[in-house]
Protein backbone atom coordinates (compact mmCIF):
# COMPACT_ATOMS: atom_id res chain seq x y z
CA UNK A 1 -7.35 -13.62 15.51
CA UNK A 2 -3.78 -13.08 14.48
CA UNK A 3 -2.58 -9.92 12.80
CA UNK A 4 -1.95 -10.18 9.04
CA UNK A 5 0.74 -7.85 7.68
CA UNK A 6 1.41 -7.50 3.95
CA UNK A 7 4.57 -5.59 3.06
CA UNK A 8 5.41 -3.52 0.02
CA UNK A 9 7.36 -5.19 -2.77
CA UNK A 10 11.15 -4.87 -2.33
CA UNK A 11 11.47 -3.89 -5.99
CA UNK A 12 9.42 -0.73 -5.32
CA UNK A 13 11.66 0.24 -2.41
CA UNK A 14 14.88 -0.29 -4.37
CA UNK A 15 13.57 1.57 -7.42
CA UNK A 16 12.45 4.58 -5.37
CA UNK A 17 15.77 4.71 -3.51
CA UNK A 18 17.75 4.45 -6.76
CA UNK A 19 15.75 7.12 -8.60
CA UNK A 20 15.83 9.37 -5.56
CA UNK A 21 19.58 9.09 -5.17
CA UNK A 22 20.16 9.75 -8.87
CA UNK A 23 17.88 12.82 -8.88
CA UNK A 24 19.55 14.26 -5.78
CA UNK A 25 23.02 13.77 -7.28
CA UNK A 26 21.94 15.37 -10.58
CA UNK A 27 20.30 18.27 -8.77
CA UNK A 28 23.28 18.98 -6.53
CA UNK A 29 25.79 18.56 -9.35
CA UNK A 30 23.85 20.95 -11.57
CA UNK A 31 23.84 23.55 -8.80
CA UNK A 32 27.64 23.46 -8.55
CA UNK A 33 28.71 22.85 -12.14
CA UNK A 34 25.86 24.03 -14.31
CA UNK A 35 24.73 27.45 -15.30
CA UNK A 36 21.14 26.53 -14.45
CA UNK A 37 20.02 25.58 -10.97
CA UNK A 38 17.86 22.46 -10.98
CA UNK A 39 15.99 22.53 -7.70
CA UNK A 40 13.29 20.40 -9.28
CA UNK A 41 15.63 17.39 -9.54
CA UNK A 42 16.69 17.74 -5.92
CA UNK A 43 13.09 18.02 -4.75
CA UNK A 44 12.00 15.00 -6.80
CA UNK A 45 14.98 13.03 -5.50
CA UNK A 46 14.11 13.81 -1.90
CA UNK A 47 10.51 12.81 -2.59
CA UNK A 48 11.62 9.44 -4.00
CA UNK A 49 13.97 8.82 -1.07
CA UNK A 50 11.14 9.65 1.37
CA UNK A 51 8.87 7.23 -0.51
CA UNK A 52 11.47 4.47 -0.25
CA UNK A 53 11.79 5.06 3.50
CA UNK A 54 7.99 4.95 3.86
CA UNK A 55 7.80 1.68 1.90
CA UNK A 56 10.46 0.09 4.09
CA UNK A 57 9.07 1.33 7.41
CA UNK A 58 5.31 0.85 7.05
CA UNK A 59 3.40 -2.21 5.76
CA UNK A 60 1.13 -2.02 2.71
CA UNK A 61 -1.90 -3.72 4.35
CA UNK A 62 -2.55 -4.63 7.98
CA UNK A 63 -5.56 -6.63 9.18
CA UNK A 64 -6.32 -7.03 12.86
CA UNK A 65 -9.44 -7.75 14.92
CA UNK A 66 -10.97 -4.31 14.49
CA UNK A 67 -9.75 -2.71 11.27
CA UNK A 68 -8.04 -2.98 7.93
CA UNK A 69 -5.27 -0.45 7.30
CA UNK A 70 -4.23 0.20 3.70
CA UNK A 71 -1.28 2.56 3.89
CA UNK A 72 -2.42 5.29 6.27
CA UNK A 73 -6.13 4.84 5.51
CA UNK A 74 -8.25 2.81 7.91
CA UNK A 75 -11.54 1.01 7.53
CA UNK A 76 -13.36 -0.66 10.41
CA UNK A 77 -14.03 -4.35 9.82
CA UNK A 78 -17.62 -4.20 11.02
CA UNK A 79 -18.47 -1.43 8.50
CA UNK A 80 -17.29 -3.36 5.42
CA UNK A 81 -20.27 -3.98 3.15
CA UNK A 82 -18.68 -5.50 0.06
CA UNK A 83 -15.44 -7.12 -1.05
CA UNK A 84 -14.58 -7.94 -4.66
CA UNK A 85 -11.62 -9.51 -6.39
CA UNK A 86 -10.89 -8.76 -10.03
CA UNK A 87 -7.64 -9.36 -11.93
CA UNK A 88 -5.80 -9.97 -8.67
CA UNK A 89 -6.83 -6.64 -7.11
CA UNK A 90 -9.06 -6.67 -4.04
CA UNK A 91 -11.62 -3.88 -3.62
CA UNK A 92 -13.09 -3.27 -0.16
CA UNK A 93 -16.22 -1.11 0.12
CA UNK A 94 -17.71 0.44 3.22
CA UNK A 95 -20.55 2.87 2.73
CA UNK A 96 -18.89 5.89 1.12
CA UNK A 97 -15.32 4.55 1.23
CA UNK A 98 -13.77 2.22 -1.29
CA UNK A 99 -10.19 0.97 -1.13
CA UNK A 100 -8.28 -1.12 -3.65
CA UNK A 101 -5.41 -3.41 -2.73
CA UNK A 102 -3.12 -3.78 -5.73
CA UNK A 103 -1.61 -7.27 -5.81
CA UNK A 104 1.43 -6.06 -7.74
CA UNK A 105 2.48 -3.78 -4.87
CA UNK A 106 2.58 -6.67 -2.38
CA UNK A 107 5.76 -8.65 -1.78
CA UNK A 108 5.70 -12.10 -3.42
CA UNK A 109 6.12 -13.82 -0.05
CA UNK A 110 3.05 -11.93 1.26
CA UNK A 111 0.69 -13.06 -1.51
CA UNK A 112 -0.63 -16.11 0.39
CA UNK A 113 -1.44 -13.72 3.25
CA UNK A 114 -3.28 -11.53 0.75
CA UNK A 115 -5.43 -14.50 -0.27
CA UNK A 116 -6.04 -15.29 3.42
CA UNK A 117 -7.06 -11.67 4.01
CA UNK A 118 -9.56 -11.89 1.15
CA UNK A 119 -10.95 -15.17 2.51
CA UNK A 120 -11.34 -13.82 6.05
CA UNK A 121 -13.10 -10.64 4.91
CA UNK A 122 -15.31 -12.48 2.39
CA UNK A 123 -16.38 -14.99 5.06
CA UNK A 124 -17.17 -12.15 7.46
CA UNK A 125 -19.28 -10.34 4.84
CA UNK A 126 -21.09 -13.57 3.96
CA UNK A 127 -21.85 -14.37 7.61
CA UNK A 128 -23.12 -10.80 8.21
CA UNK A 129 -25.37 -11.07 5.13
CA UNK A 130 -26.82 -14.39 6.31
CA UNK A 131 -27.38 -13.00 9.81
CA UNK A 132 -29.17 -9.92 8.44
CA UNK A 133 -31.48 -12.06 6.27
CA UNK A 134 -32.54 -14.15 9.26
């Protein structure tokens, strides 16, 4: 089986980078020109910049032969017990774990891959259910 990779939406990356840059500039400018030091703005700016780098470097969802990775969280494919789709979001359940894939966070060009991912996992769950009933 091929590997399915769904990336974060470019709009999220740009927005985080823009907000981060603005907060860092405000924080540094307030340290030099203001009477009040605004370390909070600098810290929030660095957090937003780090988030933008994370969004650009790592995919949102990865499906391979053994596991589904959503961000840094992993779920083994053979432990998935239920998959649901509601309002475009896909919820994957496995015993005690439950992960939700938000369709709005996926890049528009990756949405057909998201539908394929749902189809592959739903077929696997259905075939496991039929096998267990036999």
